[in-house]
Amino acid sequence: MSVKKIEHVGIRVTALEDSIEFYVRVIGLRHLHTVGEVGEALRLAFLTFPGQESVELELIYVRDGEELPREGRVHHIAFTVANIEEEYARISRLGLSGLDPEIRSLPNGSRFFFFNGPDGERIEFFEPSLH
């Protein structure tokens, strides 16, 4: 099989600059580059974690683009965190919508919580168990 890795995850957005700012400020990604100029019908922004550029997040802006169907949409994007209590407190202070009322746990000890991105995309912060 010649499949080697996830190249990028694409998220459709309604305001490209707002979404870039969100993923840089809230998630800690680094903005690599944007394809397309302000005013163009299609613009793409690529972001990644500093020092870990093997997988990118692609933000996709399509002016007057057709609405995507509900079926087949990605449910969420998850980011590994090192201190879930600290991250939950930080996200709580930001007042972001859709924040889970508490950190939840899986039977294996991993813990997680969800909140919304700027276009309602679900974002998960995930702290794996030590097992």
Protein backbone atom coordinates (compact mmCIF):
# COMPACT_ATOMS: atom_id res chain seq x y z
CA MET A 1 0.00 0.00 0.00
CA SER A 2 1.37 3.45 -0.88
CA VAL A 3 -0.64 5.55 1.59
CA LYS A 4 1.89 7.15 3.94
CA LYS A 5 0.22 9.76 6.19
CA ILE A 6 -2.57 12.25 6.60
CA GLU A 7 -1.58 15.24 4.45
CA HIS A 8 -4.10 17.73 5.78
CA VAL A 9 -7.58 18.12 7.19
CA GLY A 10 -9.79 20.64 5.40
CA ILE A 11 -12.36 22.78 7.22
CA ARG A 12 -14.82 24.99 5.35
CA VAL A 13 -14.95 28.48 6.87
CA THR A 14 -17.02 31.62 6.30
CA ALA A 15 -14.38 34.21 7.28
CA LEU A 16 -10.85 33.10 6.47
CA GLU A 17 -8.93 35.74 8.45
CA ASP A 18 -11.12 35.20 11.54
CA SER A 19 -10.54 31.45 11.36
CA ILE A 20 -6.78 31.86 10.88
CA GLU A 21 -6.67 34.10 13.95
CA PHE A 22 -8.73 31.58 15.97
CA TYR A 23 -6.54 28.57 15.14
CA VAL A 24 -3.36 30.55 15.83
CA ARG A 25 -4.56 32.15 19.10
CA VAL A 26 -6.67 29.33 20.56
CA ILE A 27 -5.01 26.16 19.26
CA GLY A 28 -1.43 27.40 18.84
CA LEU A 29 -1.01 26.60 15.15
CA ARG A 30 1.36 28.55 12.91
CA HIS A 31 -0.01 30.12 9.71
CA LEU A 32 2.17 28.84 6.86
CA HIS A 33 0.62 30.59 3.86
CA THR A 34 -2.59 31.60 2.13
CA VAL A 35 -3.46 30.81 -1.48
CA GLY A 36 -5.62 33.46 -3.16
CA GLU A 37 -6.09 37.17 -2.56
CA VAL A 38 -8.81 38.98 -0.60
CA GLY A 39 -11.86 39.27 -2.85
CA GLU A 40 -11.19 36.08 -4.81
CA ALA A 41 -13.91 33.40 -4.85
CA LEU A 42 -11.63 30.65 -3.50
CA ARG A 43 -9.00 31.12 -0.80
CA LEU A 44 -7.08 28.51 1.17
CA ALA A 45 -4.99 28.93 4.31
CA PHE A 46 -2.57 26.30 5.58
CA LEU A 47 -1.57 25.99 9.24
CA THR A 48 0.51 23.53 11.23
CA PHE A 49 2.10 23.06 14.62
CA PRO A 50 5.51 24.69 15.00
CA GLY A 51 8.17 22.02 14.62
CA GLN A 52 5.66 19.40 13.44
CA GLU A 53 4.84 20.24 9.85
CA SER A 54 3.98 16.76 8.58
CA VAL A 55 0.21 17.32 8.87
CA GLU A 56 -1.53 20.58 8.02
CA LEU A 57 -4.91 22.10 8.71
CA GLU A 58 -6.41 23.64 5.56
CA LEU A 59 -9.02 26.36 5.98
CA ILE A 60 -11.22 26.63 2.89
CA TYR A 61 -13.14 29.79 2.01
CA VAL A 62 -15.51 29.69 -0.97
CA ARG A 63 -17.45 32.90 -1.65
CA ASP A 64 -21.05 32.10 -2.49
CA GLY A 65 -20.14 28.41 -2.32
CA GLU A 66 -22.79 25.75 -2.16
CA GLU A 67 -23.70 24.50 1.29
CA LEU A 68 -22.14 21.16 2.15
CA PRO A 69 -24.49 18.26 2.89
CA ARG A 70 -24.85 17.16 6.52
CA GLU A 71 -24.03 13.56 5.55
CA GLY A 72 -20.38 12.67 5.35
CA ARG A 73 -19.13 15.67 7.29
CA VAL A 74 -16.27 15.13 9.66
CA HIS A 75 -17.64 15.05 13.21
CA HIS A 76 -14.70 16.79 14.89
CA ILE A 77 -10.99 17.42 14.88
CA ALA A 78 -9.02 16.41 17.99
CA PHE A 79 -5.82 17.90 19.38
CA THR A 80 -3.64 16.18 22.00
CA VAL A 81 -3.03 18.29 25.11
CA ALA A 82 -0.57 17.77 27.96
CA ASN A 83 -2.60 19.29 30.83
CA ILE A 84 -6.32 19.00 30.23
CA GLU A 85 -7.37 20.87 33.39
CA GLU A 86 -5.24 23.86 32.41
CA GLU A 87 -6.59 23.82 28.85
CA TYR A 88 -10.19 23.49 30.03
CA ALA A 89 -9.71 26.54 32.28
CA ARG A 90 -8.10 28.51 29.44
CA ILE A 91 -10.87 27.69 26.96
CA SER A 92 -13.50 28.49 29.63
CA ARG A 93 -11.97 31.96 30.10
CA LEU A 94 -12.18 32.59 26.35
CA GLY A 95 -15.97 32.14 26.48
CA LEU A 96 -16.13 29.96 23.37
CA SER A 97 -19.47 28.43 22.43
CA GLY A 98 -20.30 24.75 22.74
CA LEU A 99 -17.92 24.08 25.62
CA ASP A 100 -18.72 20.84 27.42
CA PRO A 101 -19.87 21.49 31.00
CA GLU A 102 -16.99 19.37 32.29
CA ILE A 103 -14.02 17.25 31.28
CA ARG A 104 -15.15 13.73 30.43
CA SER A 105 -13.28 10.42 30.80
CA LEU A 106 -13.09 7.23 28.77
CA PRO A 107 -12.90 3.80 30.47
CA ASN A 108 -9.16 3.62 29.65
CA GLY A 109 -8.48 6.84 31.60
CA SER A 110 -8.12 9.19 28.63
CA ARG A 111 -9.89 12.51 29.16
CA PHE A 112 -11.41 15.02 26.75
CA PHE A 113 -13.74 17.93 26.17
CA PHE A 114 -15.30 19.63 23.15
CA PHE A 115 -15.96 23.22 22.12
CA ASN A 116 -16.89 25.05 18.90
CA GLY A 117 -14.65 26.72 16.36
CA PRO A 118 -15.67 29.93 14.58
CA ASP A 119 -17.95 28.14 12.09
CA GLY A 120 -19.42 25.69 14.58
CA GLU A 121 -16.88 22.98 13.81
CA ARG A 122 -16.44 20.72 16.81
CA ILE A 123 -12.97 20.75 18.35
CA GLU A 124 -11.82 18.20 20.89
CA PHE A 125 -8.94 18.59 23.31
CA PHE A 126 -7.77 15.08 24.24
CA GLU A 127 -5.37 13.94 26.95
CA PRO A 128 -4.45 10.27 26.43
CA SER A 129 -4.12 7.97 29.43
CA LEU A 130 -0.66 6.87 30.48
CA HIS A 131 -1.50 3.18 29.83
